Full PDB file with SEQRES, HELIX, SHEET, SSBOND, CRYST1, ORIGX, SCALE, CONECT and MASTER records, all heavy atoms in Angstrom:
SEQRES   1 A   38  ILE GLY ARG GLN MET LEU GLY LYS LEU PRO GLU PRO THR          
SEQRES   2 A   38  GLU GLU LYS VAL VAL GLU LEU ASP ALA SER GLY LEU ILE          
SEQRES   3 A   38  ASP ILE SER ARG TYR ASP ALA LYS GLY LYS LEU HIS              
HELIX    1 AA1 GLY A    2  MET A    5  1                                   4    
HELIX    2 AA2 LYS A   16  VAL A   18  5                                   3    
CRYST1    1.000    1.000    1.000  90.00  90.00  90.00 P 1           1          
ORIGX1      1.000000  0.000000  0.000000        0.00000                         
ORIGX2      0.000000  1.000000  0.000000        0.00000                         
ORIGX3      0.000000  0.000000  1.000000        0.00000                         
SCALE1      1.000000  0.000000  0.000000        0.00000                         
SCALE2      0.000000  1.000000  0.000000        0.00000                         
SCALE3      0.000000  0.000000  1.000000        0.00000                         
ATOM      1  N   ILE A   1     -22.274 -23.608 -53.260  1.00  0.00           N  
ATOM      2  CA  ILE A   1     -22.525 -22.169 -53.221  1.00  0.00           C  
ATOM      3  C   ILE A   1     -21.781 -21.536 -52.046  1.00  0.00           C  
ATOM      4  O   ILE A   1     -21.204 -20.453 -52.151  1.00  0.00           O  
ATOM      5  CB  ILE A   1     -24.041 -21.889 -53.131  1.00  0.00           C  
ATOM      6  CG1 ILE A   1     -24.720 -22.305 -54.439  1.00  0.00           C  
ATOM      7  CG2 ILE A   1     -24.306 -20.413 -52.849  1.00  0.00           C  
ATOM      8  CD1 ILE A   1     -26.227 -22.245 -54.382  1.00  0.00           C  
ATOM      9  N   GLY A   2     -21.788 -22.225 -50.904  1.00  0.00           N  
ATOM     10  CA  GLY A   2     -21.049 -21.731 -49.744  1.00  0.00           C  
ATOM     11  C   GLY A   2     -19.565 -21.615 -50.023  1.00  0.00           C  
ATOM     12  O   GLY A   2     -18.914 -20.641 -49.631  1.00  0.00           O  
ATOM     13  N   ARG A   3     -19.003 -22.598 -50.704  1.00  0.00           N  
ATOM     14  CA  ARG A   3     -17.573 -22.548 -51.022  1.00  0.00           C  
ATOM     15  C   ARG A   3     -17.253 -21.385 -51.958  1.00  0.00           C  
ATOM     16  O   ARG A   3     -16.200 -20.756 -51.839  1.00  0.00           O  
ATOM     17  CB  ARG A   3     -17.124 -23.874 -51.638  1.00  0.00           C  
ATOM     18  CG  ARG A   3     -17.119 -25.008 -50.638  1.00  0.00           C  
ATOM     19  CD  ARG A   3     -16.306 -26.180 -51.106  1.00  0.00           C  
ATOM     20  NE  ARG A   3     -14.877 -25.887 -51.156  1.00  0.00           N  
ATOM     21  CZ  ARG A   3     -14.072 -25.825 -50.100  1.00  0.00           C  
ATOM     22  NH1 ARG A   3     -14.579 -25.999 -48.881  1.00  0.00           N  
ATOM     23  NH2 ARG A   3     -12.791 -25.582 -50.237  1.00  0.00           N  
ATOM     24  N   GLN A   4     -18.147 -21.134 -52.888  1.00  0.00           N  
ATOM     25  CA  GLN A   4     -17.924 -19.992 -53.767  1.00  0.00           C  
ATOM     26  C   GLN A   4     -17.930 -18.686 -52.988  1.00  0.00           C  
ATOM     27  O   GLN A   4     -17.138 -17.785 -53.242  1.00  0.00           O  
ATOM     28  CB  GLN A   4     -18.985 -19.961 -54.858  1.00  0.00           C  
ATOM     29  CG  GLN A   4     -18.804 -21.055 -55.903  1.00  0.00           C  
ATOM     30  CD  GLN A   4     -19.800 -20.943 -57.029  1.00  0.00           C  
ATOM     31  OE1 GLN A   4     -20.872 -20.379 -56.866  1.00  0.00           O  
ATOM     32  NE2 GLN A   4     -19.448 -21.482 -58.182  1.00  0.00           N  
ATOM     33  N   MET A   5     -18.834 -18.581 -52.034  1.00  0.00           N  
ATOM     34  CA  MET A   5     -18.894 -17.372 -51.220  1.00  0.00           C  
ATOM     35  C   MET A   5     -17.662 -17.232 -50.335  1.00  0.00           C  
ATOM     36  O   MET A   5     -17.271 -16.122 -49.967  1.00  0.00           O  
ATOM     37  CB  MET A   5     -20.167 -17.381 -50.368  1.00  0.00           C  
ATOM     38  CG  MET A   5     -21.436 -17.230 -51.180  1.00  0.00           C  
ATOM     39  SD  MET A   5     -22.918 -17.220 -50.146  1.00  0.00           S  
ATOM     40  CE  MET A   5     -24.182 -16.947 -51.398  1.00  0.00           C  
ATOM     41  N   LEU A   6     -17.065 -18.356 -49.997  1.00  0.00           N  
ATOM     42  CA  LEU A   6     -15.832 -18.330 -49.208  1.00  0.00           C  
ATOM     43  C   LEU A   6     -14.605 -18.109 -50.089  1.00  0.00           C  
ATOM     44  O   LEU A   6     -13.481 -18.021 -49.592  1.00  0.00           O  
ATOM     45  CB  LEU A   6     -15.673 -19.650 -48.443  1.00  0.00           C  
ATOM     46  CG  LEU A   6     -16.645 -19.875 -47.272  1.00  0.00           C  
ATOM     47  CD1 LEU A   6     -16.605 -21.338 -46.824  1.00  0.00           C  
ATOM     48  CD2 LEU A   6     -16.307 -18.956 -46.116  1.00  0.00           C  
ATOM     49  N   GLY A   7     -14.813 -18.069 -51.403  1.00  0.00           N  
ATOM     50  CA  GLY A   7     -13.711 -17.845 -52.329  1.00  0.00           C  
ATOM     51  C   GLY A   7     -12.848 -19.066 -52.527  1.00  0.00           C  
ATOM     52  O   GLY A   7     -11.662 -18.959 -52.827  1.00  0.00           O  
ATOM     53  N   LYS A   8     -13.452 -20.254 -52.360  1.00  0.00           N  
ATOM     54  CA  LYS A   8     -12.687 -21.488 -52.482  1.00  0.00           C  
ATOM     55  C   LYS A   8     -13.263 -22.344 -53.604  1.00  0.00           C  
ATOM     56  O   LYS A   8     -14.452 -22.316 -53.880  1.00  0.00           O  
ATOM     57  CB  LYS A   8     -12.733 -22.286 -51.176  1.00  0.00           C  
ATOM     58  CG  LYS A   8     -12.131 -21.554 -49.982  1.00  0.00           C  
ATOM     59  CD  LYS A   8     -12.246 -22.404 -48.738  1.00  0.00           C  
ATOM     60  CE  LYS A   8     -11.636 -21.695 -47.529  1.00  0.00           C  
ATOM     61  NZ  LYS A   8     -11.740 -22.514 -46.300  1.00  0.00           N  
ATOM     62  N   LEU A   9     -12.403 -23.127 -54.224  1.00  0.00           N  
ATOM     63  CA  LEU A   9     -12.818 -24.114 -55.210  1.00  0.00           C  
ATOM     64  C   LEU A   9     -12.871 -25.472 -54.538  1.00  0.00           C  
ATOM     65  O   LEU A   9     -12.161 -25.722 -53.566  1.00  0.00           O  
ATOM     66  CB  LEU A   9     -11.834 -24.153 -56.389  1.00  0.00           C  
ATOM     67  CG  LEU A   9     -11.747 -22.877 -57.227  1.00  0.00           C  
ATOM     68  CD1 LEU A   9     -10.659 -23.032 -58.277  1.00  0.00           C  
ATOM     69  CD2 LEU A   9     -13.084 -22.576 -57.887  1.00  0.00           C  
ATOM     70  N   PRO A  10     -13.706 -26.372 -55.042  1.00  0.00           N  
ATOM     71  CA  PRO A  10     -13.736 -27.719 -54.461  1.00  0.00           C  
ATOM     72  C   PRO A  10     -12.378 -28.391 -54.557  1.00  0.00           C  
ATOM     73  O   PRO A  10     -11.699 -28.297 -55.572  1.00  0.00           O  
ATOM     74  CB  PRO A  10     -14.776 -28.449 -55.335  1.00  0.00           C  
ATOM     75  CG  PRO A  10     -15.596 -27.356 -55.928  1.00  0.00           C  
ATOM     76  CD  PRO A  10     -14.668 -26.204 -56.111  1.00  0.00           C  
ATOM     77  N   GLU A  11     -11.969 -29.061 -53.487  1.00  0.00           N  
ATOM     78  CA  GLU A  11     -10.678 -29.729 -53.480  1.00  0.00           C  
ATOM     79  C   GLU A  11     -10.718 -30.970 -54.364  1.00  0.00           C  
ATOM     80  O   GLU A  11     -11.746 -31.631 -54.469  1.00  0.00           O  
ATOM     81  CB  GLU A  11     -10.300 -30.161 -52.046  1.00  0.00           C  
ATOM     82  CG  GLU A  11     -10.267 -29.031 -51.042  1.00  0.00           C  
ATOM     83  CD  GLU A  11     -11.603 -28.831 -50.356  1.00  0.00           C  
ATOM     84  OE1 GLU A  11     -12.627 -29.275 -50.912  1.00  0.00           O  
ATOM     85  OE2 GLU A  11     -11.619 -28.232 -49.280  1.00  0.00           O  
ATOM     86  N   PRO A  12      -9.594 -31.324 -55.010  1.00  0.00           N  
ATOM     87  CA  PRO A  12      -9.548 -32.580 -55.762  1.00  0.00           C  
ATOM     88  C   PRO A  12      -9.765 -33.754 -54.818  1.00  0.00           C  
ATOM     89  O   PRO A  12      -9.085 -33.886 -53.816  1.00  0.00           O  
ATOM     90  CB  PRO A  12      -8.134 -32.604 -56.347  1.00  0.00           C  
ATOM     91  CG  PRO A  12      -7.697 -31.163 -56.330  1.00  0.00           C  
ATOM     92  CD  PRO A  12      -8.343 -30.564 -55.121  1.00  0.00           C  
ATOM     93  N   THR A  13     -10.721 -34.590 -55.119  1.00  0.00           N  
ATOM     94  CA  THR A  13     -11.056 -35.713 -54.260  1.00  0.00           C  
ATOM     95  C   THR A  13     -11.901 -36.700 -55.029  1.00  0.00           C  
ATOM     96  O   THR A  13     -12.511 -36.348 -56.033  1.00  0.00           O  
ATOM     97  CB  THR A  13     -11.826 -35.262 -52.996  1.00  0.00           C  
ATOM     98  OG1 THR A  13     -12.212 -36.419 -52.263  1.00  0.00           O  
ATOM     99  CG2 THR A  13     -13.047 -34.459 -53.341  1.00  0.00           C  
ATOM    100  N   GLU A  14     -11.938 -37.904 -54.557  1.00  0.00           N  
ATOM    101  CA  GLU A  14     -12.776 -38.902 -55.196  1.00  0.00           C  
ATOM    102  C   GLU A  14     -14.161 -38.937 -54.587  1.00  0.00           C  
ATOM    103  O   GLU A  14     -15.018 -39.710 -55.009  1.00  0.00           O  
ATOM    104  CB  GLU A  14     -12.117 -40.276 -55.071  1.00  0.00           C  
ATOM    105  CG  GLU A  14     -10.784 -40.384 -55.813  1.00  0.00           C  
ATOM    106  CD  GLU A  14     -10.164 -41.753 -55.679  1.00  0.00           C  
ATOM    107  OE1 GLU A  14     -10.745 -42.581 -54.949  1.00  0.00           O  
ATOM    108  OE2 GLU A  14      -9.119 -41.991 -56.294  1.00  0.00           O  
ATOM    109  N   GLU A  15     -14.403 -38.112 -53.599  1.00  0.00           N  
ATOM    110  CA  GLU A  15     -15.697 -38.135 -52.949  1.00  0.00           C  
ATOM    111  C   GLU A  15     -16.779 -37.623 -53.904  1.00  0.00           C  
ATOM    112  O   GLU A  15     -16.586 -36.678 -54.650  1.00  0.00           O  
ATOM    113  CB  GLU A  15     -15.677 -37.252 -51.697  1.00  0.00           C  
ATOM    114  CG  GLU A  15     -14.804 -37.811 -50.593  1.00  0.00           C  
ATOM    115  CD  GLU A  15     -14.821 -36.921 -49.368  1.00  0.00           C  
ATOM    116  OE1 GLU A  15     -15.182 -35.750 -49.508  1.00  0.00           O  
ATOM    117  OE2 GLU A  15     -14.495 -37.417 -48.290  1.00  0.00           O  
ATOM    118  N   LYS A  16     -17.955 -38.248 -53.845  1.00  0.00           N  
ATOM    119  CA  LYS A  16     -19.047 -37.877 -54.736  1.00  0.00           C  
ATOM    120  C   LYS A  16     -19.544 -36.467 -54.483  1.00  0.00           C  
ATOM    121  O   LYS A  16     -20.146 -35.855 -55.349  1.00  0.00           O  
ATOM    122  CB  LYS A  16     -20.206 -38.862 -54.570  1.00  0.00           C  
ATOM    123  CG  LYS A  16     -19.872 -40.278 -55.015  1.00  0.00           C  
ATOM    124  CD  LYS A  16     -21.059 -41.188 -54.811  1.00  0.00           C  
ATOM    125  CE  LYS A  16     -20.749 -42.606 -55.222  1.00  0.00           C  
ATOM    126  NZ  LYS A  16     -21.899 -43.525 -55.019  1.00  0.00           N  
ATOM    127  N   VAL A  17     -19.294 -35.957 -53.302  1.00  0.00           N  
ATOM    128  CA  VAL A  17     -19.825 -34.655 -52.964  1.00  0.00           C  
ATOM    129  C   VAL A  17     -19.314 -33.558 -53.881  1.00  0.00           C  
ATOM    130  O   VAL A  17     -19.929 -32.516 -54.010  1.00  0.00           O  
ATOM    131  CB  VAL A  17     -19.524 -34.302 -51.490  1.00  0.00           C  
ATOM    132  CG1 VAL A  17     -18.062 -33.979 -51.295  1.00  0.00           C  
ATOM    133  CG2 VAL A  17     -20.383 -33.130 -51.019  1.00  0.00           C  
ATOM    134  N   VAL A  18     -18.200 -33.747 -54.562  1.00  0.00           N  
ATOM    135  CA  VAL A  18     -17.676 -32.709 -55.432  1.00  0.00           C  
ATOM    136  C   VAL A  18     -17.719 -33.116 -56.902  1.00  0.00           C  
ATOM    137  O   VAL A  18     -16.957 -32.635 -57.712  1.00  0.00           O  
ATOM    138  CB  VAL A  18     -16.233 -32.319 -55.047  1.00  0.00           C  
ATOM    139  CG1 VAL A  18     -16.231 -31.679 -53.689  1.00  0.00           C  
ATOM    140  CG2 VAL A  18     -15.295 -33.520 -55.081  1.00  0.00           C  
ATOM    141  N   GLU A  19     -18.628 -33.998 -57.258  1.00  0.00           N  
ATOM    142  CA  GLU A  19     -18.754 -34.374 -58.652  1.00  0.00           C  
ATOM    143  C   GLU A  19     -19.702 -33.474 -59.426  1.00  0.00           C  
ATOM    144  O   GLU A  19     -19.902 -33.649 -60.614  1.00  0.00           O  
ATOM    145  CB  GLU A  19     -19.219 -35.832 -58.763  1.00  0.00           C  
ATOM    146  CG  GLU A  19     -18.129 -36.815 -58.351  1.00  0.00           C  
ATOM    147  CD  GLU A  19     -18.569 -38.239 -58.495  1.00  0.00           C  
ATOM    148  OE1 GLU A  19     -19.735 -38.485 -58.860  1.00  0.00           O  
ATOM    149  OE2 GLU A  19     -17.744 -39.133 -58.248  1.00  0.00           O  
ATOM    150  N   LEU A  20     -20.303 -32.513 -58.775  1.00  0.00           N  
ATOM    151  CA  LEU A  20     -21.166 -31.561 -59.464  1.00  0.00           C  
ATOM    152  C   LEU A  20     -20.334 -30.574 -60.270  1.00  0.00           C  
ATOM    153  O   LEU A  20     -19.147 -30.388 -60.045  1.00  0.00           O  
ATOM    154  CB  LEU A  20     -22.011 -30.766 -58.454  1.00  0.00           C  
ATOM    155  CG  LEU A  20     -23.097 -31.518 -57.704  1.00  0.00           C  
ATOM    156  CD1 LEU A  20     -23.771 -30.574 -56.745  1.00  0.00           C  
ATOM    157  CD2 LEU A  20     -24.107 -32.122 -58.658  1.00  0.00           C  
ATOM    158  N   ASP A  21     -20.987 -29.901 -61.212  1.00  0.00           N  
ATOM    159  CA  ASP A  21     -20.358 -28.817 -61.951  1.00  0.00           C  
ATOM    160  C   ASP A  21     -19.882 -27.771 -60.953  1.00  0.00           C  
ATOM    161  O   ASP A  21     -20.645 -27.287 -60.124  1.00  0.00           O  
ATOM    162  CB  ASP A  21     -21.405 -28.206 -62.902  1.00  0.00           C  
ATOM    163  CG  ASP A  21     -20.866 -27.056 -63.720  1.00  0.00           C  
ATOM    164  OD1 ASP A  21     -19.710 -26.649 -63.481  1.00  0.00           O  
ATOM    165  OD2 ASP A  21     -21.608 -26.573 -64.574  1.00  0.00           O  
ATOM    166  N   ALA A  22     -18.616 -27.405 -61.020  1.00  0.00           N  
ATOM    167  CA  ALA A  22     -18.041 -26.476 -60.048  1.00  0.00           C  
ATOM    168  C   ALA A  22     -18.673 -25.100 -60.100  1.00  0.00           C  
ATOM    169  O   ALA A  22     -18.504 -24.304 -59.188  1.00  0.00           O  
ATOM    170  CB  ALA A  22     -16.529 -26.348 -60.276  1.00  0.00           C  
ATOM    171  N   SER A  23     -19.394 -24.791 -61.169  1.00  0.00           N  
ATOM    172  CA  SER A  23     -20.072 -23.495 -61.228  1.00  0.00           C  
ATOM    173  C   SER A  23     -21.207 -23.420 -60.223  1.00  0.00           C  
ATOM    174  O   SER A  23     -21.646 -22.337 -59.852  1.00  0.00           O  
ATOM    175  CB  SER A  23     -20.637 -23.257 -62.633  1.00  0.00           C  
ATOM    176  OG  SER A  23     -21.757 -24.105 -62.862  1.00  0.00           O  
ATOM    177  N   GLY A  24     -21.684 -24.578 -59.778  1.00  0.00           N  
ATOM    178  CA  GLY A  24     -22.819 -24.593 -58.869  1.00  0.00           C  
ATOM    179  C   GLY A  24     -24.143 -24.421 -59.581  1.00  0.00           C  
ATOM    180  O   GLY A  24     -25.194 -24.413 -58.961  1.00  0.00           O  
ATOM    181  N   LEU A  25     -24.113 -24.286 -60.918  1.00  0.00           N  
ATOM    182  CA  LEU A  25     -25.323 -24.019 -61.685  1.00  0.00           C  
ATOM    183  C   LEU A  25     -25.991 -25.327 -62.093  1.00  0.00           C  
ATOM    184  O   LEU A  25     -25.378 -26.199 -62.697  1.00  0.00           O  
ATOM    185  CB  LEU A  25     -24.978 -23.199 -62.930  1.00  0.00           C  
ATOM    186  CG  LEU A  25     -26.161 -22.687 -63.745  1.00  0.00           C  
ATOM    187  CD1 LEU A  25     -26.928 -21.634 -62.956  1.00  0.00           C  
ATOM    188  CD2 LEU A  25     -25.684 -22.118 -65.068  1.00  0.00           C  
ATOM    189  N   ILE A  26     -27.248 -25.462 -61.743  1.00  0.00           N  
ATOM    190  CA  ILE A  26     -28.057 -26.596 -62.163  1.00  0.00           C  
ATOM    191  C   ILE A  26     -29.123 -26.068 -63.110  1.00  0.00           C  
ATOM    192  O   ILE A  26     -29.784 -25.063 -62.824  1.00  0.00           O  
ATOM    193  CB  ILE A  26     -28.701 -27.305 -60.963  1.00  0.00           C  
ATOM    194  CG1 ILE A  26     -27.610 -27.943 -60.095  1.00  0.00           C  
ATOM    195  CG2 ILE A  26     -29.701 -28.347 -61.399  1.00  0.00           C  
ATOM    196  CD1 ILE A  26     -28.128 -28.563 -58.825  1.00  0.00           C  
ATOM    197  N   ASP A  27     -29.282 -26.717 -64.252  1.00  0.00           N  
ATOM    198  CA  ASP A  27     -30.180 -26.199 -65.276  1.00  0.00           C  
ATOM    199  C   ASP A  27     -31.632 -26.206 -64.813  1.00  0.00           C  
ATOM    200  O   ASP A  27     -32.071 -27.093 -64.073  1.00  0.00           O  
ATOM    201  CB  ASP A  27     -30.043 -27.006 -66.562  1.00  0.00           C  
ATOM    202  CG  ASP A  27     -30.790 -26.361 -67.728  1.00  0.00           C  
ATOM    203  OD1 ASP A  27     -30.924 -25.115 -67.721  1.00  0.00           O  
ATOM    204  OD2 ASP A  27     -31.223 -27.085 -68.631  1.00  0.00           O  
ATOM    205  N   ILE A  28     -32.362 -25.189 -65.253  1.00  0.00           N  
ATOM    206  CA  ILE A  28     -33.808 -25.112 -65.097  1.00  0.00           C  
ATOM    207  C   ILE A  28     -34.374 -24.893 -66.489  1.00  0.00           C  
ATOM    208  O   ILE A  28     -33.968 -23.958 -67.186  1.00  0.00           O  
ATOM    209  CB  ILE A  28     -34.232 -23.950 -64.176  1.00  0.00           C  
ATOM    210  CG1 ILE A  28     -33.625 -24.107 -62.782  1.00  0.00           C  
ATOM    211  CG2 ILE A  28     -35.757 -23.864 -64.090  1.00  0.00           C  
ATOM    212  CD1 ILE A  28     -33.864 -22.907 -61.883  1.00  0.00           C  
ATOM    213  N   SER A  29     -35.282 -25.745 -66.921  1.00  0.00           N  
ATOM    214  CA  SER A  29     -35.940 -25.589 -68.219  1.00  0.00           C  
ATOM    215  C   SER A  29     -37.447 -25.565 -67.997  1.00  0.00           C  
ATOM    216  O   SER A  29     -38.031 -26.565 -67.564  1.00  0.00           O  
ATOM    217  CB  SER A  29     -35.565 -26.729 -69.171  1.00  0.00           C  
ATOM    218  OG  SER A  29     -34.210 -26.649 -69.545  1.00  0.00           O  
ATOM    219  N   ARG A  30     -38.048 -24.419 -68.260  1.00  0.00           N  
ATOM    220  CA  ARG A  30     -39.485 -24.248 -68.076  1.00  0.00           C  
ATOM    221  C   ARG A  30     -40.035 -23.392 -69.218  1.00  0.00           C  
ATOM    222  O   ARG A  30     -39.299 -22.702 -69.916  1.00  0.00           O  
ATOM    223  CB  ARG A  30     -39.803 -23.565 -66.732  1.00  0.00           C  
ATOM    224  CG  ARG A  30     -39.426 -24.364 -65.497  1.00  0.00           C  
ATOM    225  CD  ARG A  30     -40.352 -25.547 -65.271  1.00  0.00           C  
ATOM    226  NE  ARG A  30     -40.105 -26.175 -63.976  1.00  0.00           N  
ATOM    227  CZ  ARG A  30     -39.192 -27.095 -63.746  1.00  0.00           C  
ATOM    228  NH1 ARG A  30     -38.387 -27.482 -64.738  1.00  0.00           N  
ATOM    229  NH2 ARG A  30     -39.043 -27.626 -62.552  1.00  0.00           N  
ATOM    230  N   TYR A  31     -41.355 -23.415 -69.381  1.00  0.00           N  
ATOM    231  CA  TYR A  31     -42.019 -22.672 -70.448  1.00  0.00           C  
ATOM    232  C   TYR A  31     -42.527 -21.321 -69.952  1.00  0.00           C  
ATOM    233  O   TYR A  31     -42.981 -21.185 -68.803  1.00  0.00           O  
ATOM    234  CB  TYR A  31     -43.192 -23.480 -70.997  1.00  0.00           C  
ATOM    235  CG  TYR A  31     -42.761 -24.702 -71.771  1.00  0.00           C  
ATOM    236  CD1 TYR A  31     -42.617 -25.933 -71.131  1.00  0.00           C  
ATOM    237  CD2 TYR A  31     -42.488 -24.622 -73.137  1.00  0.00           C  
ATOM    238  CE1 TYR A  31     -42.218 -27.059 -71.840  1.00  0.00           C  
ATOM    239  CE2 TYR A  31     -42.085 -25.743 -73.856  1.00  0.00           C  
ATOM    240  CZ  TYR A  31     -41.951 -26.956 -73.201  1.00  0.00           C  
ATOM    241  OH  TYR A  31     -41.550 -28.065 -73.903  1.00  0.00           O  
ATOM    242  N   ASP A  32     -42.450 -20.313 -70.844  1.00  0.00           N  
ATOM    243  CA  ASP A  32     -43.015 -19.007 -70.508  1.00  0.00           C  
ATOM    244  C   ASP A  32     -44.495 -18.975 -70.881  1.00  0.00           C  
ATOM    245  O   ASP A  32     -45.064 -19.977 -71.328  1.00  0.00           O  
ATOM    246  CB  ASP A  32     -42.229 -17.881 -71.181  1.00  0.00           C  
ATOM    247  CG  ASP A  32     -42.320 -17.901 -72.706  1.00  0.00           C  
ATOM    248  OD1 ASP A  32     -43.229 -18.567 -73.255  1.00  0.00           O  
ATOM    249  OD2 ASP A  32     -41.483 -17.234 -73.353  1.00  0.00           O  
ATOM    250  N   ALA A  33     -45.134 -17.817 -70.705  1.00  0.00           N  
ATOM    251  CA  ALA A  33     -46.577 -17.695 -70.913  1.00  0.00           C  
ATOM    252  C   ALA A  33     -46.979 -17.889 -72.369  1.00  0.00           C  
ATOM    253  O   ALA A  33     -48.152 -18.147 -72.665  1.00  0.00           O  
ATOM    254  CB  ALA A  33     -47.056 -16.330 -70.411  1.00  0.00           C  
ATOM    255  N   LYS A  34     -46.009 -17.774 -73.299  1.00  0.00           N  
ATOM    256  CA  LYS A  34     -46.293 -17.946 -74.723  1.00  0.00           C  
ATOM    257  C   LYS A  34     -45.920 -19.342 -75.223  1.00  0.00           C  
ATOM    258  O   LYS A  34     -45.961 -19.610 -76.429  1.00  0.00           O  
ATOM    259  CB  LYS A  34     -45.558 -16.886 -75.531  1.00  0.00           C  
ATOM    260  CG  LYS A  34     -46.026 -15.464 -75.221  1.00  0.00           C  
ATOM    261  CD  LYS A  34     -45.271 -14.443 -76.067  1.00  0.00           C  
ATOM    262  CE  LYS A  34     -45.751 -13.026 -75.762  1.00  0.00           C  
ATOM    263  NZ  LYS A  34     -45.016 -12.019 -76.574  1.00  0.00           N  
ATOM    264  N   GLY A  35     -45.517 -20.223 -74.313  1.00  0.00           N  
ATOM    265  CA  GLY A  35     -45.195 -21.581 -74.688  1.00  0.00           C  
ATOM    266  C   GLY A  35     -43.777 -21.801 -75.162  1.00  0.00           C  
ATOM    267  O   GLY A  35     -43.449 -22.862 -75.698  1.00  0.00           O  
ATOM    268  N   LYS A  36     -42.892 -20.820 -74.957  1.00  0.00           N  
ATOM    269  CA  LYS A  36     -41.501 -20.957 -75.365  1.00  0.00           C  
ATOM    270  C   LYS A  36     -40.685 -21.542 -74.211  1.00  0.00           C  
ATOM    271  O   LYS A  36     -40.785 -21.102 -73.073  1.00  0.00           O  
ATOM    272  CB  LYS A  36     -40.916 -19.603 -75.771  1.00  0.00           C  
ATOM    273  CG  LYS A  36     -39.456 -19.682 -76.228  1.00  0.00           C  
ATOM    274  CD  LYS A  36     -38.923 -18.316 -76.626  1.00  0.00           C  
ATOM    275  CE  LYS A  36     -37.459 -18.407 -77.054  1.00  0.00           C  
ATOM    276  NZ  LYS A  36     -36.909 -17.074 -77.441  1.00  0.00           N  
ATOM    277  N   LEU A  37     -39.846 -22.540 -74.521  1.00  0.00           N  
ATOM    278  CA  LEU A  37     -39.015 -23.179 -73.503  1.00  0.00           C  
ATOM    279  C   LEU A  37     -37.748 -22.355 -73.276  1.00  0.00           C  
ATOM    280  O   LEU A  37     -37.062 -21.973 -74.229  1.00  0.00           O  
ATOM    281  CB  LEU A  37     -38.636 -24.587 -73.951  1.00  0.00           C  
ATOM    282  CG  LEU A  37     -37.825 -25.432 -72.965  1.00  0.00           C  
ATOM    283  CD1 LEU A  37     -38.632 -25.728 -71.710  1.00  0.00           C  
ATOM    284  CD2 LEU A  37     -37.358 -26.732 -73.622  1.00  0.00           C  
ATOM    285  N   HIS A  38     -37.423 -22.096 -72.012  1.00  0.00           N  
ATOM    286  CA  HIS A  38     -36.235 -21.326 -71.656  1.00  0.00           C  
ATOM    287  C   HIS A  38     -35.333 -22.172 -70.768  1.00  0.00           C  
ATOM    288  O   HIS A  38     -35.772 -22.691 -69.731  1.00  0.00           O  
ATOM    289  CB  HIS A  38     -36.608 -20.039 -70.912  1.00  0.00           C  
ATOM    290  CG  HIS A  38     -37.330 -19.046 -71.759  1.00  0.00           C  
ATOM    291  ND1 HIS A  38     -36.687 -18.088 -72.524  1.00  0.00           N  
ATOM    292  CD2 HIS A  38     -38.675 -18.866 -71.964  1.00  0.00           C  
ATOM    293  CE1 HIS A  38     -37.577 -17.351 -73.155  1.00  0.00           C  
ATOM    294  NE2 HIS A  38     -38.794 -17.806 -72.835  1.00  0.00           N  
TER     295      HIS A  38                                                      
MASTER        0    0    0    2    0    0    0    6  294    1    0    3          
END                                                                             
C-alpha cells in the first residue's frame, strides 16, 4: 500500500515479499444481516 501511495510498482525480484497481488487487495468474504455472502 505504501508503494502504491509513492506511485511505485514492486520491483522484479525473487524475494517473497513481492509475491502478493500487486493490487494490494486481499479478499474479504463475510455474510450480511440477511445471510448473503459478499
